[in-house]
Amino acid sequence: MTKISNRAENIIAPSLLASNPARFGSEAERAGRSGADWLHLDIMDGHFVPNISFGPQVVKAIRPLTTLFFDVHLMVSKPEILLEPFAQAGADEMIIHVELGEQVPSLIEKIKELGKKVGLALNPPTPFAVVQPFLDQIDLLLVMTVNPGFGGQEFIRETIPKIQLAEARRRDKQLSYRISVDGGINCQTATECVLAGADTFVAGTSLFGPGSIKSRVTKMRQIINR
């Protein structure tokens, strides 16, 4: 049984893509023992973003290895053909991109029909206004703090005002979506993001790597809960 998300708590979500791809199973288990809350799974098709990662079969294979909440980020041009396979593979939440335009309403509805939580992502160049019509329909807003497609990029500080806008709109409209950040997240940038209103922190290279992921998760949690 997977962990259930709770917006009252700050969430740390290690990104599996930053781990050793030859050992995704054991890396997922390592994340599960780290004290993290979620496992973030980046799905890339080589078209929506210029990189390819993995598909539903990998998610299905690692699902029995950890109780972490599976946060599946679909950076793909045709998510409609992947929603059901990922739902069946064990996704708890599926994130689509607002840049898909007119497809967004039907995709949100389909994810809900599958009984999964709905996430909506926006890229750094995309104005915050584009996501506003959907804020009362989603469980999570993912503010990309790098341009998606590759790990290890430098945090884009110009995205912080979007986090502030997301928090202001959530508060003013009494909505309940989580505010997630992804890209260049480490202890320093997580501090900037939590002050802006973020409560969900996707981190790859700053958490995965040689040594103890548990100690890095513990340090980040201390900082964002300070």
Protein backbone atom coordinates (compact mmCIF):
# COMPACT_ATOMS: atom_id res chain seq x y z
CA MET A 1 0.00 0.00 0.00
CA THR A 2 1.44 3.36 -1.02
CA LYS A 3 1.75 6.41 1.16
CA ILE A 4 -0.99 9.00 0.82
CA SER A 5 -0.06 12.63 0.25
CA ASN A 6 -1.05 15.30 2.76
CA ARG A 7 -0.82 18.98 1.82
CA ALA A 8 -0.21 19.96 5.45
CA GLU A 9 3.26 18.45 5.21
CA ASN A 10 6.26 19.30 3.10
CA ILE A 11 7.03 16.49 0.66
CA ILE A 12 10.46 15.36 -0.57
CA ALA A 13 10.43 13.40 -3.82
CA PRO A 14 13.73 11.95 -5.08
CA SER A 15 13.77 11.78 -8.88
CA LEU A 16 14.62 8.28 -10.05
CA LEU A 17 16.03 9.52 -13.35
CA ALA A 18 19.06 10.89 -11.47
CA SER A 19 19.88 7.47 -10.03
CA ASN A 20 21.90 4.64 -11.60
CA PRO A 21 19.76 3.44 -14.54
CA ALA A 22 21.34 0.00 -14.38
CA ARG A 23 19.92 -0.40 -10.87
CA PHE A 24 16.51 1.28 -10.90
CA GLY A 25 15.04 -1.42 -8.66
CA SER A 26 17.62 -1.16 -5.91
CA GLU A 27 17.72 2.63 -6.28
CA ALA A 28 13.95 2.78 -5.74
CA GLU A 29 14.41 0.64 -2.63
CA ARG A 30 17.18 2.96 -1.45
CA ALA A 31 14.86 5.94 -1.87
CA GLY A 32 12.20 4.07 0.06
CA ARG A 33 14.56 3.62 3.02
CA SER A 34 15.71 7.24 2.94
CA GLY A 35 12.78 8.83 4.72
CA ALA A 36 11.56 10.47 1.50
CA ASP A 37 7.81 10.74 0.89
CA TRP A 38 7.38 10.22 -2.85
CA LEU A 39 9.32 8.84 -5.79
CA HIS A 40 9.27 11.14 -8.82
CA LEU A 41 9.30 9.34 -12.18
CA ASP A 42 10.19 11.37 -15.27
CA ILE A 43 8.71 9.97 -18.47
CA MET A 44 10.19 11.46 -21.64
CA ASP A 45 9.38 10.54 -25.24
CA GLY A 46 12.16 12.23 -27.21
CA HIS A 47 9.55 14.50 -28.84
CA PHE A 48 7.97 16.75 -26.20
CA VAL A 49 11.46 16.99 -24.70
CA PRO A 50 14.77 16.03 -26.39
CA ASN A 51 15.44 12.96 -24.28
CA ILE A 52 14.01 9.47 -23.71
CA SER A 53 13.70 7.82 -20.30
CA PHE A 54 11.54 4.76 -19.58
CA GLY A 55 7.99 3.49 -19.84
CA PRO A 56 5.24 1.73 -17.89
CA GLN A 57 7.09 -1.58 -17.66
CA VAL A 58 9.84 -0.03 -15.53
CA VAL A 59 7.25 1.54 -13.24
CA LYS A 60 5.43 -1.79 -12.98
CA ALA A 61 8.69 -3.58 -12.14
CA ILE A 62 9.65 -1.23 -9.29
CA ARG A 63 6.14 -0.77 -7.86
CA PRO A 64 6.36 -3.82 -5.54
CA LEU A 65 9.74 -2.69 -4.19
CA THR A 66 8.64 0.40 -2.23
CA THR A 67 5.59 1.94 -0.58
CA LEU A 68 6.52 5.44 -1.76
CA PHE A 69 3.84 7.48 -3.52
CA PHE A 70 4.59 7.34 -7.28
CA ASP A 71 4.57 10.83 -8.80
CA VAL A 72 4.65 10.24 -12.57
CA HIS A 73 5.63 13.25 -14.68
CA LEU A 74 4.58 12.79 -18.32
CA MET A 75 6.81 14.94 -20.52
CA VAL A 76 5.28 13.45 -23.65
CA SER A 77 3.39 14.67 -26.69
CA LYS A 78 0.62 12.07 -26.53
CA PRO A 79 -0.13 11.35 -22.86
CA GLU A 80 -3.60 10.12 -23.77
CA ILE A 81 -2.13 6.79 -24.94
CA LEU A 82 -0.06 6.40 -21.77
CA LEU A 83 -2.43 7.32 -18.96
CA GLU A 84 -4.05 3.91 -18.62
CA PRO A 85 -0.77 1.93 -18.92
CA PHE A 86 0.85 4.05 -16.20
CA ALA A 87 -2.23 3.85 -14.00
CA GLN A 88 -2.12 0.06 -14.29
CA ALA A 89 1.63 0.05 -13.66
CA GLY A 90 1.17 1.71 -10.26
CA ALA A 91 1.19 5.49 -10.68
CA ASP A 92 -0.48 7.34 -7.81
CA GLU A 93 -0.42 10.72 -9.53
CA MET A 94 0.07 11.66 -13.17
CA ILE A 95 1.33 15.08 -14.19
CA ILE A 96 0.64 16.47 -17.64
CA HIS A 97 1.88 19.72 -19.16
CA VAL A 98 -0.28 22.79 -19.66
CA GLU A 99 1.69 23.39 -22.87
CA LEU A 100 -0.44 20.64 -24.46
CA GLY A 101 -3.10 23.31 -24.90
CA GLU A 102 -6.59 22.20 -25.85
CA GLN A 103 -5.87 18.62 -24.81
CA VAL A 104 -5.56 19.57 -21.14
CA PRO A 105 -9.24 19.45 -20.05
CA SER A 106 -9.83 15.96 -21.45
CA LEU A 107 -6.56 14.68 -20.01
CA ILE A 108 -7.46 15.96 -16.55
CA GLU A 109 -10.83 14.23 -16.79
CA LYS A 110 -9.24 10.96 -17.96
CA ILE A 111 -6.77 10.91 -15.06
CA LYS A 112 -9.64 11.43 -12.63
CA GLU A 113 -11.63 8.63 -14.28
CA LEU A 114 -8.65 6.35 -13.68
CA GLY A 115 -8.82 7.17 -9.97
CA LYS A 116 -5.46 8.93 -9.86
CA LYS A 117 -4.38 12.32 -8.57
CA VAL A 118 -3.95 15.01 -11.20
CA GLY A 119 -0.86 17.15 -11.62
CA LEU A 120 -0.36 20.03 -14.05
CA ALA A 121 3.11 21.29 -14.97
CA LEU A 122 4.25 24.53 -16.55
CA ASN A 123 7.63 25.21 -18.10
CA PRO A 124 9.78 28.27 -17.31
CA PRO A 125 8.75 30.26 -20.43
CA THR A 126 5.02 29.60 -19.91
CA PRO A 127 3.05 32.42 -18.23
CA PHE A 128 1.31 31.54 -14.97
CA ALA A 129 -1.98 32.78 -16.42
CA VAL A 130 -2.15 29.69 -18.65
CA VAL A 131 -2.67 27.35 -15.67
CA GLN A 132 -5.17 29.53 -13.82
CA PRO A 133 -8.32 28.05 -15.42
CA PHE A 134 -7.36 24.60 -14.11
CA LEU A 135 -6.28 25.33 -10.55
CA ASP A 136 -9.57 24.21 -9.03
CA GLN A 137 -9.37 20.89 -10.90
CA ILE A 138 -5.93 19.63 -9.91
CA ASP A 139 -4.16 18.08 -6.93
CA LEU A 140 -0.71 19.47 -7.73
CA LEU A 141 0.83 22.31 -9.69
CA LEU A 142 4.39 21.57 -10.81
CA VAL A 143 6.44 24.70 -11.42
CA MET A 144 9.40 23.63 -13.53
CA THR A 145 12.46 25.49 -12.29
CA VAL A 146 14.58 24.32 -15.24
CA ASN A 147 13.67 23.65 -18.86
CA PRO A 148 12.61 19.98 -18.85
CA GLY A 149 14.48 17.17 -20.53
CA PHE A 150 17.79 16.75 -18.74
CA GLY A 151 18.94 16.47 -15.14
CA GLY A 152 21.68 18.47 -13.48
CA GLN A 153 20.62 21.88 -14.81
CA GLU A 154 21.00 25.12 -12.88
CA PHE A 155 17.96 26.43 -11.02
CA ILE A 156 16.21 29.30 -12.84
CA ARG A 157 15.47 31.94 -10.20
CA GLU A 158 13.15 33.82 -12.52
CA THR A 159 10.59 31.06 -11.85
CA ILE A 160 10.21 32.03 -8.17
CA PRO A 161 7.48 34.64 -8.87
CA LYS A 162 5.35 31.82 -10.34
CA ILE A 163 5.61 29.93 -7.05
CA GLN A 164 4.54 33.07 -5.23
CA LEU A 165 1.60 33.53 -7.60
CA ALA A 166 0.57 29.88 -7.15
CA GLU A 167 0.60 30.28 -3.37
CA ALA A 168 -1.31 33.57 -3.50
CA ARG A 169 -3.98 32.11 -5.77
CA ARG A 170 -4.27 28.97 -3.62
CA ARG A 171 -4.73 31.08 -0.51
CA ASP A 172 -7.11 33.62 -2.05
CA LYS A 173 -9.34 30.99 -3.69
CA GLN A 174 -9.05 28.56 -0.74
CA LEU A 175 -7.83 25.78 -3.03
CA SER A 176 -5.92 22.69 -1.94
CA TYR A 177 -3.43 21.85 -4.69
CA ARG A 178 0.17 21.19 -3.73
CA ILE A 179 2.90 23.41 -5.20
CA SER A 180 5.79 21.33 -6.46
CA VAL A 181 9.16 22.48 -7.79
CA ASP A 182 11.47 20.46 -10.01
CA GLY A 183 14.86 21.36 -11.42
CA GLY A 184 18.09 22.32 -9.72
CA ILE A 185 16.58 21.67 -6.29
CA ASN A 186 19.11 21.39 -3.47
CA CYS A 187 19.18 22.64 0.10
CA GLN A 188 19.83 26.24 -0.94
CA THR A 189 17.23 26.47 -3.70
CA ALA A 190 14.69 24.48 -1.67
CA THR A 191 14.96 27.20 0.97
CA GLU A 192 14.14 29.87 -1.61
CA CYS A 193 11.21 27.82 -2.90
CA VAL A 194 9.67 27.04 0.49
CA LEU A 195 9.79 30.75 1.36
CA ALA A 196 7.94 31.45 -1.90
CA GLY A 197 5.22 28.92 -1.04
CA ALA A 198 6.33 25.55 -2.40
CA ASP A 199 5.56 22.44 -0.34
CA THR A 200 6.73 19.61 -2.62
CA PHE A 201 10.38 19.28 -3.63
CA VAL A 202 11.58 17.09 -6.49
CA ALA A 203 15.33 16.60 -6.30
CA GLY A 204 17.55 14.39 -8.41
CA THR A 205 21.30 14.89 -8.46
CA SER A 206 21.33 16.53 -5.03
CA LEU A 207 19.83 13.40 -3.42
CA PHE A 208 20.91 10.43 -5.52
CA GLY A 209 24.57 9.60 -5.78
CA PRO A 210 27.29 7.79 -3.83
CA GLY A 211 26.83 7.66 -0.09
CA SER A 212 23.76 8.09 2.04
CA ILE A 213 20.61 9.41 0.39
CA LYS A 214 19.02 9.19 3.83
CA SER A 215 21.34 11.82 5.29
CA ARG A 216 20.68 14.15 2.36
CA VAL A 217 16.90 13.72 2.68
CA THR A 218 17.14 14.38 6.42
CA LYS A 219 19.16 17.55 5.85
CA MET A 220 16.74 18.86 3.22
CA ARG A 221 13.75 18.12 5.46
CA GLN A 222 15.32 20.02 8.34
CA ILE A 223 15.83 23.01 6.07
CA ILE A 224 12.37 23.12 4.47
CA ASN A 225 10.64 22.57 7.82
CA ARG A 226 12.71 25.21 9.62
